[in-house]
Amino acid sequence: MRARFTLLFLVFFAGLTALVGAAEPDAATIMKKMTEANQSQAAVSKAKMILIDKSGGQRIRDLLTRTKLINGVRNTVTTFLSPPDVKGVKFLVVETKNADDNQRLYLPAMKRVRRITSANKSGAFMGSTFSYADLQAVDPDKGTHKRLADATVDGASCYVIESLPKKDGDSIYGKTINWVRKDNYFPVRGQFFDKKGALWKTLEVSQLEQRADGTWMARRSKMNDVQAGTATIMELGEYQLNVKLDDQFFTERFLSDESQQ
């Protein structure tokens, strides 16, 4: 499978070992290294999703996320634990090699599993500033990339990469710019432009930690919708790596089973 990444995986589990090369890499190489996320067989985490409206008001949601490689395919399921109005909502993402990822959403109020189609991918995920497209895997080979002038973010030297989709349907964005740390190839800032070239969203990744195995993770990510004046903060809490997870967690049966979270 090609190197692919999702913003959801970045927030909860992404990690890279420090990659140091003698030669200055080109833009395509940097993007591929950025997407070489730590492929732990299975992991579980708890997180908070903080929704911020344009007046500054906040709503907090607690999440439980499980991820597992099954036959080389990344499966991720997120359960909303609280508050009561979203408790029991479950979201499943199964990566696919040559098409949009298989996404399923279970809404307890509807008592059914809903498939997220390509036409719905630009929609907001559970009222957040993350779209469904942000939560599917991105293949760097579907874009063209070029290096811009290097920059410094929070004291760390970064490559700055501009990416354009090769085909209009390959992305909901017309252009993206990523700031990627040189020491560990971790993306710490992003800008996302709409099809008309206007800035749409910005991503800020902070509180990076290096784990015992040498890989890195982010404790906090904030996606700002510049056009709407809203934002979503994801804060990682407890997590476990390389745990045993039954494949049944990544099925429609689990999504609709309200006795399990």
Protein backbone atom coordinates (compact mmCIF):
# COMPACT_ATOMS: atom_id res chain seq x y z
CA MET A 1 0.00 0.00 0.00
CA ARG A 2 1.19 3.50 -0.77
CA ALA A 3 2.10 5.85 2.05
CA ARG A 4 -1.11 7.62 3.08
CA PHE A 5 -2.21 9.65 6.06
CA THR A 6 -5.35 11.17 7.56
CA LEU A 7 -5.71 14.18 9.82
CA LEU A 8 -7.57 11.94 12.26
CA PHE A 9 -4.65 9.51 12.37
CA LEU A 10 -2.26 12.44 12.80
CA VAL A 11 -4.22 13.78 15.77
CA PHE A 12 -4.45 10.46 17.59
CA PHE A 13 -1.61 8.18 16.58
CA ALA A 14 0.76 9.54 13.93
CA GLY A 15 4.42 9.17 14.65
CA LEU A 16 7.65 9.19 12.75
CA THR A 17 11.12 8.17 13.68
CA ALA A 18 13.71 10.87 13.20
CA LEU A 19 14.81 10.75 9.58
CA VAL A 20 18.09 12.42 8.81
CA GLY A 21 19.53 12.44 5.31
CA ALA A 22 22.69 13.95 3.89
CA ALA A 23 21.02 15.36 0.78
CA GLU A 24 18.31 18.00 0.75
CA PRO A 25 15.13 16.14 -0.28
CA ASP A 26 12.78 17.35 -3.00
CA ALA A 27 9.13 18.20 -2.33
CA ALA A 28 7.73 14.80 -3.34
CA THR A 29 10.20 12.98 -1.08
CA ILE A 30 9.31 15.21 1.86
CA MET A 31 5.59 14.53 1.40
CA LYS A 32 6.16 10.78 1.20
CA LYS A 33 8.29 10.82 4.34
CA MET A 34 5.64 12.90 6.10
CA THR A 35 3.04 10.26 5.31
CA GLU A 36 5.15 7.36 6.56
CA ALA A 37 3.19 7.24 9.80
CA ASN A 38 4.07 4.74 12.49
CA GLN A 39 2.14 1.64 11.55
CA SER A 40 1.47 0.23 15.00
CA GLN A 41 -0.66 -2.87 14.63
CA ALA A 42 -3.33 -1.56 16.99
CA ALA A 43 -3.88 1.40 19.28
CA VAL A 44 -6.54 2.93 21.53
CA SER A 45 -6.84 6.54 22.67
CA LYS A 46 -9.16 8.95 24.42
CA ALA A 47 -9.44 12.54 23.28
CA LYS A 48 -11.45 15.70 23.63
CA MET A 49 -13.00 17.49 20.69
CA ILE A 50 -13.59 21.16 21.51
CA LEU A 51 -15.91 23.01 19.13
CA ILE A 52 -15.51 26.79 19.12
CA ASP A 53 -18.18 28.95 17.47
CA LYS A 54 -17.58 32.37 15.95
CA SER A 55 -18.55 34.13 19.19
CA GLY A 56 -16.02 32.07 21.18
CA GLY A 57 -18.52 29.70 22.77
CA GLN A 58 -17.31 26.15 23.36
CA ARG A 59 -18.80 22.66 23.32
CA ILE A 60 -16.70 19.72 24.51
CA ARG A 61 -17.06 16.13 23.32
CA ASP A 62 -15.24 13.08 24.65
CA LEU A 63 -14.07 10.47 22.15
CA LEU A 64 -12.71 6.94 22.21
CA THR A 65 -10.75 5.90 19.12
CA ARG A 66 -9.47 2.48 18.11
CA THR A 67 -7.23 1.81 15.12
CA LYS A 68 -5.87 -1.43 13.72
CA LEU A 69 -4.09 -2.76 10.66
CA ILE A 70 -6.14 -5.66 9.30
CA ASN A 71 -4.49 -7.47 6.39
CA GLY A 72 -2.40 -4.35 5.80
CA VAL A 73 -5.43 -2.05 5.72
CA ARG A 74 -5.85 0.72 8.29
CA ASN A 75 -9.20 0.58 10.12
CA THR A 76 -10.20 3.36 12.54
CA VAL A 77 -13.39 3.61 14.59
CA THR A 78 -14.30 6.53 16.85
CA THR A 79 -17.06 6.45 19.48
CA PHE A 80 -18.52 9.61 21.01
CA LEU A 81 -18.79 9.11 24.78
CA SER A 82 -20.32 12.45 25.81
CA PRO A 83 -22.25 14.75 26.03
CA PRO A 84 -25.66 13.01 25.88
CA ASP A 85 -26.70 14.57 22.55
CA VAL A 86 -23.88 12.78 20.70
CA LYS A 87 -23.26 9.80 23.00
CA GLY A 88 -23.17 6.57 21.05
CA VAL A 89 -22.37 8.11 17.67
CA LYS A 90 -19.74 5.96 15.95
CA PHE A 91 -17.61 6.66 12.90
CA LEU A 92 -15.70 3.99 10.97
CA VAL A 93 -13.01 4.61 8.36
CA VAL A 94 -11.57 1.73 6.34
CA GLU A 95 -8.75 2.77 3.99
CA THR A 96 -8.92 1.63 0.38
CA LYS A 97 -6.05 1.53 -2.08
CA ASN A 98 -7.48 3.06 -5.23
CA ALA A 99 -10.68 4.84 -4.22
CA ASP A 100 -12.23 7.01 -1.54
CA ASP A 101 -12.03 5.42 1.87
CA ASN A 102 -15.03 3.47 3.11
CA GLN A 103 -16.64 5.71 5.74
CA ARG A 104 -19.65 4.73 7.86
CA LEU A 105 -21.47 6.84 10.46
CA TYR A 106 -23.91 5.46 13.04
CA LEU A 107 -26.40 7.91 14.56
CA PRO A 108 -28.35 6.45 17.52
CA ALA A 109 -31.30 8.76 16.87
CA MET A 110 -31.65 7.35 13.35
CA LYS A 111 -30.97 3.74 14.37
CA ARG A 112 -29.06 3.10 11.18
CA VAL A 113 -25.59 3.13 9.67
CA ARG A 114 -25.08 5.80 7.04
CA ARG A 115 -22.46 5.56 4.30
CA ILE A 116 -20.58 8.80 3.61
CA THR A 117 -20.53 9.20 -0.18
CA SER A 118 -18.06 11.21 -2.24
CA ALA A 119 -20.69 13.94 -2.61
CA ASN A 120 -20.82 14.32 1.18
CA LYS A 121 -17.05 14.39 1.82
CA SER A 122 -16.86 18.19 2.00
CA GLY A 123 -19.46 18.25 4.78
CA ALA A 124 -18.56 19.00 8.39
CA PHE A 125 -17.80 15.98 10.57
CA MET A 126 -20.20 16.14 13.53
CA GLY A 127 -20.37 19.93 13.40
CA SER A 128 -16.58 20.35 13.58
CA THR A 129 -14.24 22.22 11.25
CA PHE A 130 -12.88 18.85 10.09
CA SER A 131 -14.62 17.62 6.95
CA TYR A 132 -15.19 13.96 6.15
CA ALA A 133 -12.53 14.40 3.46
CA ASP A 134 -10.06 15.47 6.16
CA LEU A 135 -10.64 12.11 7.81
CA GLN A 136 -9.87 9.93 4.81
CA ALA A 137 -6.43 8.84 3.70
CA VAL A 138 -4.48 11.14 1.40
CA ASP A 139 -2.20 9.65 -1.24
CA PRO A 140 0.70 12.04 -1.97
CA ASP A 141 1.05 10.51 -5.43
CA LYS A 142 -2.28 12.13 -6.36
CA GLY A 143 -0.76 15.60 -6.01
CA THR A 144 2.06 17.68 -7.43
CA HIS A 145 4.36 19.22 -4.86
CA LYS A 146 6.93 22.00 -4.77
CA ARG A 147 9.15 23.44 -2.06
CA LEU A 148 8.66 27.00 -0.93
CA ALA A 149 11.10 28.95 1.25
CA ASP A 150 11.98 27.15 4.48
CA ALA A 151 10.50 28.56 7.69
CA THR A 152 10.68 28.20 11.47
CA VAL A 153 7.69 27.12 13.58
CA ASP A 154 7.95 27.19 17.38
CA GLY A 155 11.74 27.19 17.10
CA ALA A 156 11.88 24.19 14.74
CA SER A 157 13.23 24.46 11.21
CA CYS A 158 10.62 23.36 8.67
CA TYR A 159 10.27 22.52 5.02
CA VAL A 160 7.32 24.33 3.43
CA ILE A 161 5.54 22.33 0.72
CA GLU A 162 2.81 23.53 -1.63
CA SER A 163 0.60 20.76 -3.04
CA LEU A 164 -1.95 20.81 -5.86
CA PRO A 165 -4.28 17.91 -6.74
CA LYS A 166 -3.55 16.31 -10.11
CA LYS A 167 -7.29 15.91 -10.74
CA ASP A 168 -10.02 18.22 -9.51
CA GLY A 169 -11.89 15.33 -7.90
CA ASP A 170 -8.85 14.15 -5.92
CA SER A 171 -9.32 16.77 -3.19
CA ILE A 172 -11.94 19.16 -1.84
CA TYR A 173 -9.13 21.73 -1.68
CA GLY A 174 -7.64 23.68 -4.55
CA LYS A 175 -4.26 23.91 -2.82
CA THR A 176 -2.62 22.94 0.46
CA ILE A 177 0.57 24.15 2.12
CA ASN A 178 2.28 22.07 4.82
CA TRP A 179 5.04 23.08 7.23
CA VAL A 180 7.03 19.89 7.93
CA ARG A 181 9.71 19.71 10.61
CA LYS A 182 13.14 18.84 9.22
CA ASP A 183 14.22 16.78 12.22
CA ASN A 184 11.32 14.32 12.26
CA TYR A 185 9.15 15.06 9.19
CA PHE A 186 6.15 15.82 11.39
CA PRO A 187 3.64 18.32 9.91
CA VAL A 188 3.12 21.15 12.39
CA ARG A 189 1.16 23.68 10.36
CA GLY A 190 -1.15 23.61 7.36
CA GLN A 191 -3.09 25.93 5.12
CA PHE A 192 -6.00 24.74 2.99
CA PHE A 193 -7.39 26.80 0.10
CA ASP A 194 -10.74 26.46 -1.65
CA LYS A 195 -11.15 25.91 -5.39
CA LYS A 196 -11.24 29.67 -5.99
CA GLY A 197 -7.86 30.14 -4.31
CA ALA A 198 -9.14 31.71 -1.08
CA LEU A 199 -7.76 30.55 2.26
CA TRP A 200 -10.34 28.23 3.83
CA LYS A 201 -8.75 26.51 6.82
CA THR A 202 -5.55 26.53 8.85
CA LEU A 203 -4.15 23.69 10.97
CA GLU A 204 -1.93 24.18 14.02
CA VAL A 205 -0.26 21.13 15.57
CA SER A 206 1.49 21.49 18.92
CA GLN A 207 2.68 19.74 22.07
CA LEU A 208 4.73 17.15 20.19
CA GLU A 209 6.12 14.28 22.24
CA GLN A 210 8.70 11.65 21.37
CA ARG A 211 7.68 8.19 22.46
CA ALA A 212 9.92 5.49 23.87
CA ASP A 213 10.25 3.83 20.46
CA GLY A 214 11.60 7.05 18.93
CA THR A 215 8.41 7.99 17.08
CA TRP A 216 6.55 11.26 17.57
CA MET A 217 2.98 12.19 18.39
CA ALA A 218 0.96 15.39 18.76
CA ARG A 219 -1.06 16.10 21.88
CA ARG A 220 -2.98 19.03 20.40
CA SER A 221 -4.27 19.98 16.97
CA LYS A 222 -6.46 22.95 16.06
CA MET A 223 -8.31 23.34 12.77
CA ASN A 224 -9.52 26.87 12.09
CA ASP A 225 -12.20 27.60 9.50
CA VAL A 226 -11.07 31.06 8.45
CA GLN A 227 -14.12 31.71 6.30
CA ALA A 228 -16.68 30.70 8.94
CA GLY A 229 -14.78 32.03 11.95
CA THR A 230 -15.04 28.71 13.81
CA ALA A 231 -12.46 26.22 15.10
CA THR A 232 -12.05 22.70 16.44
CA ILE A 233 -9.38 21.61 18.92
CA MET A 234 -8.44 17.95 19.33
CA GLU A 235 -6.63 17.13 22.57
CA LEU A 236 -5.15 13.66 23.00
CA GLY A 237 -5.50 12.08 26.43
CA GLU A 238 -4.68 8.52 27.47
CA TYR A 239 -3.43 6.18 24.77
CA GLN A 240 -2.13 2.63 24.40
CA LEU A 241 -0.07 1.29 21.51
CA ASN A 242 0.16 -2.25 20.14
CA VAL A 243 -2.83 -3.48 22.12
CA LYS A 244 -4.99 -6.47 21.23
CA LEU A 245 -8.16 -5.42 19.42
CA ASP A 246 -10.79 -7.76 18.02
CA ASP A 247 -11.65 -7.23 14.36
CA GLN A 248 -15.33 -6.97 15.35
CA PHE A 249 -14.77 -3.36 16.46
CA PHE A 250 -14.39 -2.42 12.80
CA THR A 251 -17.72 -3.74 11.52
CA GLU A 252 -21.18 -2.31 10.90
CA ARG A 253 -22.49 -4.69 13.56
CA PHE A 254 -20.33 -2.96 16.17
CA LEU A 255 -21.41 0.46 14.94
CA SER A 256 -25.08 -0.33 15.50
CA ASP A 257 -24.58 -2.24 18.77
CA GLU A 258 -25.47 0.38 21.37
CA SER A 259 -24.44 -1.93 24.22
CA GLN A 260 -20.79 -1.43 23.22
CA GLN A 261 -18.82 1.79 23.08
